[in-house]
C-alpha cells in the first residue's frame, strides 16, 4: 500500500478543500466554482470508494 494507491483520494480531497475555500470567499463567481469543485470532489471520492469495494 504505497502512495500510488492513495493518489486519487488525495486529489478528490484537494478538490473538496479548494472548493470549500472558494465557496467561503464572498463572491458569487468563486462560490459557484467552489460548489462545483466540491461536488466534483465528492462524486470522485464516492466513485473511488465504490470501485475499491469491488
N, C-alpha and C. Protein backbone atom coordinates (compact mmCIF):
# COMPACT_ATOMS: atom_id res chain seq x y z
N UNK A 1 0.83 -1.18 0.00
CA UNK A 1 0.00 0.00 0.00
C UNK A 1 0.87 1.24 0.00
N UNK A 2 1.41 1.54 -1.14
CA UNK A 2 2.25 2.71 -1.26
C UNK A 2 1.43 3.96 -1.52
N UNK A 3 2.13 5.02 -1.76
CA UNK A 3 1.48 6.30 -2.01
C UNK A 3 0.68 6.29 -3.30
N UNK A 4 1.08 5.49 -4.28
CA UNK A 4 0.38 5.42 -5.55
C UNK A 4 -1.07 4.96 -5.38
N UNK A 5 -1.34 4.16 -4.37
CA UNK A 5 -2.69 3.66 -4.15
C UNK A 5 -3.62 4.74 -3.59
N UNK A 6 -3.06 5.81 -3.05
CA UNK A 6 -3.87 6.83 -2.40
C UNK A 6 -3.88 8.16 -3.14
N UNK A 7 -3.31 8.21 -4.32
CA UNK A 7 -3.23 9.47 -5.07
C UNK A 7 -4.63 9.96 -5.43
N UNK A 8 -5.53 9.09 -5.85
CA UNK A 8 -6.88 9.52 -6.22
C UNK A 8 -7.64 10.06 -5.02
N UNK A 9 -7.42 9.49 -3.84
CA UNK A 9 -8.07 10.01 -2.64
C UNK A 9 -7.56 11.41 -2.32
N UNK A 10 -6.27 11.64 -2.49
CA UNK A 10 -5.69 12.95 -2.21
C UNK A 10 -6.22 13.97 -3.21
N UNK A 11 -6.33 13.61 -4.46
CA UNK A 11 -6.84 14.54 -5.48
C UNK A 11 -8.29 14.91 -5.19
N UNK A 12 -9.11 13.96 -4.83
CA UNK A 12 -10.51 14.26 -4.52
C UNK A 12 -10.61 15.15 -3.29
N UNK A 13 -9.81 14.87 -2.28
CA UNK A 13 -9.80 15.69 -1.07
C UNK A 13 -9.33 17.10 -1.38
N UNK A 14 -8.36 17.23 -2.28
CA UNK A 14 -7.88 18.54 -2.69
C UNK A 14 -9.01 19.34 -3.35
N UNK A 15 -9.78 18.70 -4.23
CA UNK A 15 -10.89 19.39 -4.88
C UNK A 15 -11.92 19.84 -3.85
N UNK A 16 -12.23 19.00 -2.88
CA UNK A 16 -13.20 19.35 -1.85
C UNK A 16 -12.70 20.51 -1.01
N UNK A 17 -11.43 20.47 -0.62
CA UNK A 17 -10.86 21.53 0.22
C UNK A 17 -10.79 22.86 -0.52
N UNK A 18 -10.27 22.86 -1.73
CA UNK A 18 -10.17 24.10 -2.50
C UNK A 18 -11.57 24.62 -2.83
N UNK A 19 -12.49 23.73 -3.13
CA UNK A 19 -13.87 24.14 -3.38
C UNK A 19 -14.50 24.81 -2.18
N UNK A 20 -14.22 24.29 -0.99
CA UNK A 20 -14.75 24.90 0.22
C UNK A 20 -14.17 26.29 0.44
N UNK A 21 -12.87 26.42 0.22
CA UNK A 21 -12.23 27.74 0.37
C UNK A 21 -12.83 28.74 -0.62
N UNK A 22 -13.03 28.32 -1.86
CA UNK A 22 -13.63 29.21 -2.85
C UNK A 22 -15.09 29.53 -2.49
N UNK A 23 -15.79 28.58 -1.90
CA UNK A 23 -17.17 28.81 -1.51
C UNK A 23 -17.27 29.84 -0.40
N UNK A 24 -16.30 29.85 0.50
CA UNK A 24 -16.32 30.77 1.64
C UNK A 24 -16.03 32.21 1.21
N UNK A 25 -15.27 32.38 0.13
CA UNK A 25 -14.97 33.73 -0.36
C UNK A 25 -16.28 34.36 -0.85
N UNK A 26 -16.63 35.53 -0.32
CA UNK A 26 -17.96 36.11 -0.62
C UNK A 26 -18.04 36.78 -1.98
N UNK A 27 -17.90 36.00 -3.01
CA UNK A 27 -18.02 36.48 -4.39
C UNK A 27 -18.83 35.43 -5.14
N UNK A 28 -19.90 35.82 -5.82
CA UNK A 28 -20.77 34.81 -6.45
C UNK A 28 -20.05 33.86 -7.41
N UNK A 29 -19.11 34.38 -8.19
CA UNK A 29 -18.43 33.51 -9.15
C UNK A 29 -17.57 32.46 -8.45
N UNK A 30 -16.84 32.87 -7.42
CA UNK A 30 -15.98 31.91 -6.71
C UNK A 30 -16.83 30.93 -5.91
N UNK A 31 -17.96 31.40 -5.39
CA UNK A 31 -18.84 30.49 -4.65
C UNK A 31 -19.42 29.42 -5.57
N UNK A 32 -19.82 29.81 -6.77
CA UNK A 32 -20.35 28.83 -7.72
C UNK A 32 -19.26 27.85 -8.14
N UNK A 33 -18.07 28.36 -8.40
CA UNK A 33 -16.95 27.48 -8.76
C UNK A 33 -16.61 26.55 -7.59
N UNK A 34 -16.66 27.08 -6.37
CA UNK A 34 -16.39 26.26 -5.19
C UNK A 34 -17.38 25.13 -5.02
N UNK A 35 -18.66 25.43 -5.23
CA UNK A 35 -19.68 24.38 -5.12
C UNK A 35 -19.45 23.32 -6.19
N UNK A 36 -19.13 23.75 -7.41
CA UNK A 36 -18.88 22.79 -8.49
C UNK A 36 -17.67 21.91 -8.16
N UNK A 37 -16.61 22.51 -7.62
CA UNK A 37 -15.42 21.73 -7.27
C UNK A 37 -15.71 20.76 -6.13
N UNK A 38 -16.49 21.20 -5.13
CA UNK A 38 -16.84 20.30 -4.03
C UNK A 38 -17.67 19.13 -4.54
N UNK A 39 -18.64 19.39 -5.41
CA UNK A 39 -19.45 18.31 -5.95
C UNK A 39 -18.61 17.34 -6.77
N UNK A 40 -17.71 17.88 -7.58
CA UNK A 40 -16.83 17.02 -8.36
C UNK A 40 -15.97 16.15 -7.43
N UNK A 41 -15.41 16.75 -6.38
CA UNK A 41 -14.58 16.01 -5.44
C UNK A 41 -15.36 14.92 -4.71
N UNK A 42 -16.60 15.24 -4.32
CA UNK A 42 -17.42 14.26 -3.60
C UNK A 42 -17.79 13.10 -4.52
N UNK A 43 -18.17 13.40 -5.75
CA UNK A 43 -18.51 12.34 -6.70
C UNK A 43 -17.29 11.48 -6.98
N UNK A 44 -16.13 12.12 -7.15
CA UNK A 44 -14.88 11.40 -7.39
C UNK A 44 -14.55 10.49 -6.21
N UNK A 45 -14.72 11.02 -5.00
CA UNK A 45 -14.44 10.27 -3.78
C UNK A 45 -15.32 9.03 -3.70
N UNK A 46 -16.64 9.20 -3.92
CA UNK A 46 -17.55 8.06 -3.86
C UNK A 46 -17.27 7.05 -4.98
N UNK A 47 -16.88 7.54 -6.14
CA UNK A 47 -16.55 6.63 -7.23
C UNK A 47 -15.32 5.79 -6.88
N UNK A 48 -14.32 6.41 -6.30
CA UNK A 48 -13.13 5.66 -5.87
C UNK A 48 -13.47 4.68 -4.75
N UNK A 49 -14.31 5.10 -3.83
CA UNK A 49 -14.72 4.23 -2.72
C UNK A 49 -15.51 3.03 -3.25
N UNK A 50 -16.42 3.30 -4.20
CA UNK A 50 -17.23 2.22 -4.77
C UNK A 50 -16.40 1.25 -5.58
N UNK A 51 -15.45 1.76 -6.34
CA UNK A 51 -14.61 0.87 -7.15
C UNK A 51 -13.61 0.09 -6.31
N UNK A 52 -13.26 0.60 -5.12
CA UNK A 52 -12.35 -0.11 -4.24
C UNK A 52 -13.02 -1.32 -3.59
N UNK A 53 -14.33 -1.26 -3.42
CA UNK A 53 -15.04 -2.36 -2.79
C UNK A 53 -15.28 -3.53 -3.74
N UNK A 54 -15.20 -3.30 -5.01
CA UNK A 54 -15.48 -4.34 -6.00
C UNK A 54 -14.30 -5.28 -6.13
